[in-house]
Amino acid sequence: MPVNRRSFLKASGLSLLPAILPATPIIANAVNEKTIPANEPIIKLFGDGEFYDGLAYVEQLQAANSKQQIKVDRYGSGGAVEELEKKFEAITGKEKAIYMPSGTMANQFAIAMLSGDNTKVFVQDTSHVYRDEADAAQSIFNKRLMPLAKNQTFFTADELKKAIENLDSEEVFKSGLGCVSIENPVRRTDGRMIPTDEIKKISEYCRSKNIRLHLDGARLYMASAWSGVSIKEYSSYFDTVYISLYKYLGASGGAILCGDKTLIEKMPHMIKVHGGNMFGNWLNAAMASYKLDGIEEKLQEAIKRSKEIFASLNQIPGLKISPLDGGTNIYNIKFPAGLQGQKFGESLNRYFIRMPRPNESGEAKISVNETLLYREPKYIIDAIKDSINKAK
């Protein structure tokens, strides 16, 4: 089922933070009977990573600057932006990378430039490009998005091949196939990913037909961590790849688009004419560059800890945490019958842990991310157990 982000944040209790934290300068910790200051980092069992606001963002930038002096860019040239671009060129193995103000811009520019004068673009029915980018491909770039795999995470190479072969018989106007765009993992199917073997088949077919291929890899680090496939390998199957800078790299916005030099060198003009050429981008670039170092190791440690935590919690009668089929960092959780969601959430708040509360069926979805590293597994296990007991 599609995820309503606003409802998800509300259910997670995130909207309660401003009301809760200022009123609790020190909160007793029933697990170890010590006190925890109100600025204690919060373990968030939702989302893909940490989000920094206000002072916390400034503090992270200070830490980054202490490690390496932050240099400003000017209109996307030089400084922290250039440093970040160089990092992603090495990470993805692509010839060139460029900073973009948003992921939508990265996706749309890539699709437009890969397609040239041809207008048809095959996409997943559930993809962000098709569902969440305000019909930009059609209204701005004169591209016709053609969805495959209704309500599914991905289409297969055979399905794509059949759709392309049927174009001549099904389409009156021969406007030509521009490119194929794939999102991996897919937000609208709860972060499920495309099997690597299927990506390989799609890539091989597209290259054999000289069809360009774009990857919306906004959450590609999630796919990489849970599949064991490197960012570089994923990128090798595509002509262009976009990666988000704020979903798990701490930035307040921004994106990176990588591809061959000839294509990426056309992007500054595209950014300019579409109003995206900001005077300074270094705040986002410096944060992402700082958080990028060691991100793979952090995610692997978070996965390791989650296995320990979930195995222990699954011993609680009536509670079951299980992975999604083909999933990444999102898991199903079934709570014990009769659990009072509000009391459960209030108790967890005292431990500086936030997680979605159960729905009417006693179920929710929780996420694994680097905030699991803020406390040892035993602390998290004991806090959840105590909160369940209090909410019965």
Protein backbone atom coordinates (compact mmCIF):
# COMPACT_ATOMS: atom_id res chain seq x y z
CA MET A 1 0.00 0.00 0.00
CA PRO A 2 1.22 3.57 -0.69
CA VAL A 3 2.64 5.40 2.29
CA ASN A 4 1.05 8.71 3.31
CA ARG A 5 4.07 10.57 4.66
CA ARG A 6 2.07 13.13 6.63
CA SER A 7 0.03 10.43 8.38
CA PHE A 8 3.20 8.42 8.99
CA LEU A 9 4.96 11.30 10.73
CA LYS A 10 1.87 12.01 12.79
CA ALA A 11 1.59 8.36 13.82
CA SER A 12 5.26 8.25 14.74
CA GLY A 13 4.81 11.00 17.29
CA LEU A 14 7.30 13.27 15.53
CA SER A 15 4.79 16.10 15.58
CA LEU A 16 4.77 15.91 19.38
CA LEU A 17 8.46 16.70 19.84
CA PRO A 18 8.17 20.48 20.25
CA ALA A 19 5.53 19.98 22.91
CA ILE A 20 7.36 17.21 24.74
CA LEU A 21 11.01 18.19 24.85
CA PRO A 22 10.90 21.76 26.17
CA ALA A 23 8.77 20.60 29.10
CA THR A 24 11.17 17.81 30.11
CA PRO A 25 14.64 19.16 30.89
CA ILE A 26 15.52 15.93 32.69
CA ILE A 27 13.60 12.67 32.45
CA ALA A 28 14.02 9.63 34.68
CA ASN A 29 15.14 6.50 32.88
CA ALA A 30 13.32 3.50 34.34
CA VAL A 31 15.68 1.09 32.61
CA ASN A 32 18.79 2.01 34.54
CA GLU A 33 17.36 4.62 36.94
CA LYS A 34 19.69 7.33 35.75
CA THR A 35 18.70 10.72 34.39
CA ILE A 36 18.96 11.70 30.75
CA PRO A 37 19.33 15.33 29.62
CA ALA A 38 16.69 16.71 27.28
CA ASN A 39 19.19 17.02 24.42
CA GLU A 40 19.70 13.26 24.41
CA PRO A 41 19.72 12.02 20.79
CA ILE A 42 16.40 10.45 19.87
CA ILE A 43 16.18 6.92 18.51
CA LYS A 44 13.73 7.11 15.61
CA LEU A 45 12.27 3.86 14.35
CA PHE A 46 10.95 5.61 11.26
CA GLY A 47 12.58 7.18 8.22
CA ASP A 48 15.91 6.44 6.58
CA GLY A 49 18.23 8.46 8.79
CA GLU A 50 18.76 11.45 11.03
CA PHE A 51 17.30 14.85 10.26
CA TYR A 52 18.94 17.89 11.80
CA ASP A 53 17.09 21.11 12.55
CA GLY A 54 18.25 24.48 13.83
CA LEU A 55 21.06 24.30 16.37
CA ALA A 56 21.65 20.59 15.78
CA TYR A 57 22.40 21.31 12.11
CA VAL A 58 24.85 24.05 13.07
CA GLU A 59 26.57 21.74 15.55
CA GLN A 60 27.01 19.08 12.89
CA LEU A 61 28.51 21.64 10.51
CA GLN A 62 30.88 22.73 13.27
CA ALA A 63 31.97 19.13 13.68
CA ALA A 64 32.46 18.88 9.92
CA ASN A 65 34.48 22.09 9.89
CA SER A 66 36.66 20.82 12.73
CA LYS A 67 37.46 17.75 10.67
CA GLN A 68 38.11 19.72 7.48
CA GLN A 69 37.59 23.42 6.87
CA ILE A 70 34.39 23.97 4.92
CA LYS A 71 34.83 25.92 1.71
CA VAL A 72 31.96 27.81 0.10
CA ASP A 73 30.86 27.39 -3.48
CA ARG A 74 29.57 30.09 -5.79
CA TYR A 75 26.59 29.11 -7.92
CA GLY A 76 27.49 25.45 -7.56
CA SER A 77 31.15 25.80 -8.54
CA GLY A 78 34.10 25.01 -6.29
CA GLY A 79 34.22 24.59 -2.54
CA ALA A 80 32.26 21.91 -0.70
CA VAL A 81 30.08 21.28 -3.75
CA GLU A 82 33.01 20.33 -5.94
CA GLU A 83 34.43 18.14 -3.16
CA LEU A 84 31.13 16.29 -2.84
CA GLU A 85 30.85 15.82 -6.59
CA LYS A 86 34.34 14.30 -6.70
CA LYS A 87 33.39 11.87 -3.94
CA PHE A 88 30.34 10.69 -5.84
CA GLU A 89 32.28 10.28 -9.05
CA ALA A 90 34.50 7.82 -7.20
CA ILE A 91 31.58 6.15 -5.39
CA THR A 92 29.47 5.61 -8.51
CA GLY A 93 32.29 5.09 -10.99
CA LYS A 94 30.72 7.65 -13.32
CA GLU A 95 32.72 10.21 -15.27
CA LYS A 96 31.08 13.23 -13.74
CA ALA A 97 28.70 14.26 -10.95
CA ILE A 98 26.74 17.46 -10.40
CA TYR A 99 24.90 18.93 -7.42
CA MET A 100 21.18 19.51 -7.96
CA PRO A 101 18.77 21.52 -5.79
CA SER A 102 16.25 18.65 -5.70
CA GLY A 103 15.73 15.03 -6.63
CA THR A 104 12.82 15.88 -8.89
CA MET A 105 15.09 18.18 -10.88
CA ALA A 106 17.77 15.47 -11.09
CA ASN A 107 15.26 12.88 -12.32
CA GLN A 108 13.55 15.16 -14.82
CA PHE A 109 16.74 16.60 -16.30
CA ALA A 110 18.26 13.14 -16.67
CA ILE A 111 15.18 11.72 -18.40
CA ALA A 112 14.88 14.75 -20.69
CA MET A 113 18.53 14.71 -21.75
CA LEU A 114 18.73 10.93 -22.16
CA SER A 115 15.61 10.95 -24.35
CA GLY A 116 16.62 13.69 -26.75
CA ASP A 117 13.84 14.36 -29.26
CA ASN A 118 12.09 11.06 -28.56
CA THR A 119 9.06 11.36 -26.29
CA LYS A 120 8.15 7.98 -24.80
CA VAL A 121 9.62 6.96 -21.43
CA PHE A 122 8.88 3.68 -19.67
CA VAL A 123 8.64 3.88 -15.86
CA GLN A 124 7.27 1.86 -12.93
CA ASP A 125 3.65 2.60 -12.10
CA THR A 126 4.68 3.07 -8.45
CA SER A 127 7.70 5.26 -9.17
CA HIS A 128 8.31 8.74 -7.81
CA VAL A 129 8.89 9.98 -11.35
CA TYR A 130 5.40 8.86 -12.35
CA ARG A 131 3.42 9.61 -9.19
CA ASP A 132 5.13 12.42 -7.32
CA GLU A 133 6.78 14.89 -9.68
CA ALA A 134 3.79 17.03 -10.70
CA ASP A 135 3.67 15.67 -14.27
CA ALA A 136 6.87 17.60 -15.04
CA ALA A 137 7.95 15.15 -17.73
CA GLN A 138 4.77 15.84 -19.71
CA SER A 139 4.13 19.50 -18.96
CA ILE A 140 7.70 20.83 -19.05
CA PHE A 141 9.77 18.41 -21.11
CA ASN A 142 7.17 17.00 -23.54
CA LYS A 143 7.86 13.43 -22.48
CA ARG A 144 5.10 10.86 -22.20
CA LEU A 145 5.55 8.59 -19.21
CA MET A 146 4.33 5.06 -19.91
CA PRO A 147 3.84 3.07 -16.68
CA LEU A 148 4.46 -0.65 -16.36
CA ALA A 149 3.75 -3.11 -13.52
CA LYS A 150 0.57 -1.65 -12.02
CA ASN A 151 0.87 -1.35 -8.22
CA GLN A 152 4.02 -3.48 -8.26
CA THR A 153 7.56 -2.65 -7.17
CA PHE A 154 9.15 -3.40 -10.52
CA PHE A 155 8.66 -4.61 -14.06
CA THR A 156 10.72 -7.46 -15.46
CA ALA A 157 13.03 -7.36 -18.45
CA ASP A 158 10.55 -9.54 -20.34
CA GLU A 159 7.69 -7.14 -19.57
CA LEU A 160 9.77 -4.18 -20.73
CA LYS A 161 10.83 -6.02 -23.91
CA LYS A 162 7.22 -6.89 -24.74
CA ALA A 163 6.05 -3.30 -24.15
CA ILE A 164 8.77 -1.92 -26.41
CA GLU A 165 8.15 -4.50 -29.15
CA ASN A 166 4.43 -3.63 -29.09
CA LEU A 167 5.00 0.09 -29.60
CA ASP A 168 4.82 -0.09 -33.41
CA SER A 169 1.49 -1.94 -33.39
CA GLU A 170 -0.12 -0.06 -30.50
CA GLU A 171 1.08 3.50 -31.16
CA VAL A 172 -0.12 5.54 -34.12
CA PHE A 173 2.52 8.25 -33.88
CA LYS A 174 6.13 7.10 -34.09
CA SER A 175 7.57 9.65 -31.68
CA GLY A 176 10.22 7.22 -30.51
CA LEU A 177 11.32 5.67 -27.25
CA GLY A 178 13.45 8.11 -25.30
CA CYS A 179 14.66 6.13 -22.30
CA VAL A 180 13.70 3.88 -19.41
CA SER A 181 13.63 5.10 -15.80
CA ILE A 182 13.81 2.82 -12.77
CA GLU A 183 13.44 3.66 -9.08
CA ASN A 184 15.29 1.43 -6.60
CA PRO A 185 14.27 0.97 -3.84
CA VAL A 186 10.66 2.12 -4.24
CA ARG A 187 9.19 4.40 -1.59
CA ARG A 188 5.59 3.70 -2.55
CA THR A 189 6.04 -0.03 -1.93
CA ASP A 190 7.62 0.50 1.49
CA GLY A 191 11.21 0.54 0.32
CA ARG A 192 11.14 -2.75 -1.55
CA MET A 193 13.94 -3.22 -4.06
CA ILE A 194 14.37 -4.72 -7.51
CA PRO A 195 16.27 -8.03 -7.64
CA THR A 196 19.77 -7.39 -8.93
CA ASP A 197 19.47 -10.15 -11.52
CA GLU A 198 16.43 -8.38 -12.98
CA ILE A 199 18.31 -5.06 -13.11
CA LYS A 200 21.12 -6.82 -14.97
CA LYS A 201 18.69 -8.26 -17.51
CA ILE A 202 17.01 -4.90 -18.06
CA SER A 203 20.39 -3.20 -18.46
CA GLU A 204 21.66 -5.81 -20.91
CA TYR A 205 18.50 -5.56 -23.00
CA CYS A 206 18.54 -1.74 -23.05
CA ARG A 207 22.19 -1.61 -24.06
CA SER A 208 21.63 -4.15 -26.82
CA LYS A 209 18.95 -1.84 -28.23
CA ASN A 210 20.82 1.41 -27.53
CA ILE A 211 18.12 2.50 -25.06
CA ARG A 212 19.32 4.85 -22.32
CA LEU A 213 18.61 3.92 -18.70
CA HIS A 214 18.17 6.21 -15.66
CA LEU A 215 18.22 5.20 -11.99
CA ASP A 216 16.21 7.10 -9.41
CA GLY A 217 18.41 5.97 -6.54
CA ALA A 218 17.20 8.47 -3.97
CA ARG A 219 17.47 5.75 -1.31
CA LEU A 220 20.13 3.71 -3.09
CA TYR A 221 22.22 3.36 0.07
CA MET A 222 19.29 1.48 1.65
CA ALA A 223 19.20 -0.95 -1.28
CA SER A 224 22.96 -1.36 -1.13
CA ALA A 225 23.04 -2.03 2.61
CA TRP A 226 20.27 -4.65 2.52
CA SER A 227 21.23 -6.33 -0.77
CA GLY A 228 25.01 -6.31 -0.37
CA VAL A 229 25.37 -4.79 -3.86
CA SER A 230 27.73 -1.81 -3.94
CA ILE A 231 26.69 1.66 -5.11
CA LYS A 232 29.26 1.36 -7.88
CA GLU A 233 27.80 -1.92 -9.14
CA TYR A 234 24.26 -0.56 -9.11
CA SER A 235 25.43 2.55 -10.97
CA SER A 236 27.25 0.49 -13.59
CA TYR A 237 23.95 -0.81 -14.98
CA PHE A 238 22.63 2.70 -15.70
CA ASP A 239 23.60 5.71 -17.79
CA THR A 240 22.63 8.18 -15.07
CA VAL A 241 21.98 7.83 -11.35
CA TYR A 242 20.50 10.24 -8.82
CA ILE A 243 21.11 9.95 -5.07
CA SER A 244 19.41 12.05 -2.38
CA LEU A 245 21.46 14.10 0.05
CA TYR A 246 18.87 14.51 2.79
CA LYS A 247 17.19 11.15 3.33
CA TYR A 248 20.12 9.68 5.27
CA LEU A 249 23.03 12.08 4.68
CA GLY A 250 21.80 14.80 7.02
CA ALA A 251 21.52 17.66 4.53
CA SER A 252 18.45 19.89 4.51
CA GLY A 253 18.02 19.29 0.79
CA GLY A 254 19.83 18.64 -2.45
CA ALA A 255 20.71 15.79 -4.76
CA ILE A 256 23.57 14.41 -6.81
CA LEU A 257 23.25 13.32 -10.43
CA CYS A 258 26.02 11.22 -11.96
CA GLY A 259 26.64 10.14 -15.54
CA ASP A 260 28.95 10.48 -18.50
CA LYS A 261 30.82 13.76 -18.90
CA THR A 262 29.12 14.85 -22.12
CA LEU A 263 25.64 14.63 -20.59
CA ILE A 264 26.45 16.08 -17.16
CA GLU A 265 28.25 19.08 -18.68
CA LYS A 266 24.92 20.13 -20.20
CA MET A 267 23.26 20.27 -16.78
CA PRO A 268 24.46 23.69 -15.49
CA HIS A 269 22.54 25.37 -18.30
CA MET A 270 19.44 23.31 -17.51
CA ILE A 271 19.71 24.25 -13.83
CA LYS A 272 20.04 27.93 -14.71
CA VAL A 273 17.11 28.19 -17.12
CA HIS A 274 14.83 26.36 -14.68
CA GLY A 275 15.68 28.69 -11.80
CA GLY A 276 17.74 26.28 -9.73
CA ASN A 277 21.09 28.07 -9.82
CA MET A 278 21.48 29.05 -6.14
CA PHE A 279 24.22 31.43 -5.04
CA GLY A 280 25.44 29.11 -2.28
CA ASN A 281 24.92 25.36 -1.89
CA TRP A 282 27.74 24.62 0.54
CA LEU A 283 25.55 24.16 3.63
CA ASN A 284 23.93 21.08 2.13
CA ALA A 285 27.03 19.85 0.32
CA ALA A 286 29.27 20.09 3.39
CA MET A 287 26.75 18.24 5.57
CA ALA A 288 26.27 15.45 3.04
CA SER A 289 30.01 15.12 2.49
CA TYR A 290 30.61 14.88 6.25
CA LYS A 291 27.88 12.28 6.77
CA LEU A 292 28.92 10.33 3.69
CA ASP A 293 32.15 9.20 5.33
CA GLY A 294 31.45 5.88 7.02
CA ILE A 295 27.79 5.67 6.00
CA GLU A 296 28.13 2.07 4.79
CA GLU A 297 29.66 0.96 8.09
CA LYS A 298 26.96 2.75 10.10
CA LEU A 299 24.20 1.08 8.15
CA GLN A 300 25.80 -2.34 8.53
CA GLU A 301 26.11 -1.82 12.28
CA ALA A 302 22.47 -0.67 12.42
CA ILE A 303 21.41 -3.84 10.59
CA LYS A 304 23.44 -5.96 13.00
CA ARG A 305 21.89 -4.28 16.04
CA SER A 306 18.39 -4.50 14.60
CA LYS A 307 18.73 -8.27 14.28
CA GLU A 308 19.66 -8.53 17.95
CA ILE A 309 16.87 -6.19 19.02
CA PHE A 310 14.18 -7.82 16.89
CA ALA A 311 15.18 -11.35 17.91
CA SER A 312 14.78 -10.41 21.56
CA LEU A 313 11.50 -8.53 21.09
CA ASN A 314 10.06 -11.43 19.10
CA GLN A 315 10.21 -13.47 22.32
CA ILE A 316 7.44 -11.26 23.76
CA PRO A 317 4.08 -13.08 23.53
CA GLY A 318 1.91 -11.55 20.83
CA LEU A 319 4.67 -9.39 19.31
CA LYS A 320 6.15 -10.14 15.91
CA ILE A 321 8.63 -8.11 13.86
CA SER A 322 9.21 -9.39 10.34
CA PRO A 323 10.98 -8.17 7.18
CA LEU A 324 9.10 -7.31 4.01
CA ASP A 325 9.45 -9.49 0.94
CA GLY A 326 12.28 -7.91 -1.04
CA GLY A 327 12.45 -5.17 1.56
CA THR A 328 15.19 -2.91 2.81
CA ASN A 329 15.02 -1.01 6.11
CA ILE A 330 11.24 -1.14 6.68
CA TYR A 331 9.76 -3.95 8.79
CA ASN A 332 6.27 -5.05 9.81
CA ILE A 333 5.51 -5.09 13.52
CA LYS A 334 2.49 -6.74 15.12
CA PHE A 335 1.86 -5.62 18.70
CA PRO A 336 0.33 -7.73 21.49
CA ALA A 337 -3.46 -7.63 21.58
CA GLY A 338 -5.01 -4.91 23.70
CA LEU A 339 -1.96 -2.63 23.66
CA GLN A 340 -2.93 1.01 24.30
CA GLY A 341 -1.08 2.95 21.63
CA GLN A 342 -1.10 6.32 23.37
CA LYS A 343 0.30 4.93 26.63
CA PHE A 344 2.89 2.97 24.69
CA GLY A 345 4.05 6.08 22.87
CA GLU A 346 4.12 8.20 26.02
CA SER A 347 6.27 5.63 27.78
CA LEU A 348 8.70 5.36 24.87
CA ASN A 349 8.99 9.15 24.77
CA ARG A 350 10.50 9.01 28.27
CA TYR A 351 13.27 6.84 26.88
CA PHE A 352 13.85 9.17 23.93
CA ILE A 353 12.60 6.56 21.50
CA ARG A 354 10.03 7.31 18.81
CA MET A 355 8.20 4.72 16.72
CA PRO A 356 4.88 4.51 14.90
CA ARG A 357 1.97 3.54 17.10
CA PRO A 358 -0.18 0.53 16.25
CA ASN A 359 -3.21 0.96 14.00
CA GLU A 360 -6.65 -0.50 14.73
CA SER A 361 -5.35 -3.94 13.82
CA GLY A 362 -2.41 -3.60 16.20
CA GLU A 363 0.11 -3.28 13.37
CA ALA A 364 2.64 -0.72 12.18
CA LYS A 365 5.78 -0.39 10.10
CA ILE A 366 9.10 0.51 11.66
CA SER A 367 12.41 1.46 10.08
CA VAL A 368 16.03 0.65 10.77
CA ASN A 369 18.46 3.56 10.48
CA GLU A 370 21.60 4.97 12.07
CA THR A 371 19.73 6.30 15.12
CA LEU A 372 19.82 2.73 16.46
CA LEU A 373 23.50 3.43 17.14
CA TYR A 374 22.67 6.11 19.74
CA ARG A 375 22.12 3.51 22.49
CA GLU A 376 23.14 -0.08 23.07
CA PRO A 377 20.64 -2.78 21.99
CA LYS A 378 19.84 -3.75 25.59
CA TYR A 379 18.68 -0.24 26.39
CA ILE A 380 16.30 -0.22 23.42
CA ILE A 381 15.03 -3.73 24.14
CA ASP A 382 14.36 -2.98 27.82
CA ALA A 383 12.70 0.35 27.00
CA ILE A 384 10.29 -1.24 24.51
CA LYS A 385 9.51 -4.13 26.86
CA ASP A 386 8.83 -1.73 29.74
CA SER A 387 6.62 0.44 27.53
CA ILE A 388 4.61 -2.57 26.36
CA ASN A 389 4.04 -3.61 29.97
CA LYS A 390 2.89 -0.11 30.87
CA ALA A 391 0.50 0.01 27.91
CA LYS A 392 -1.31 -3.30 28.51
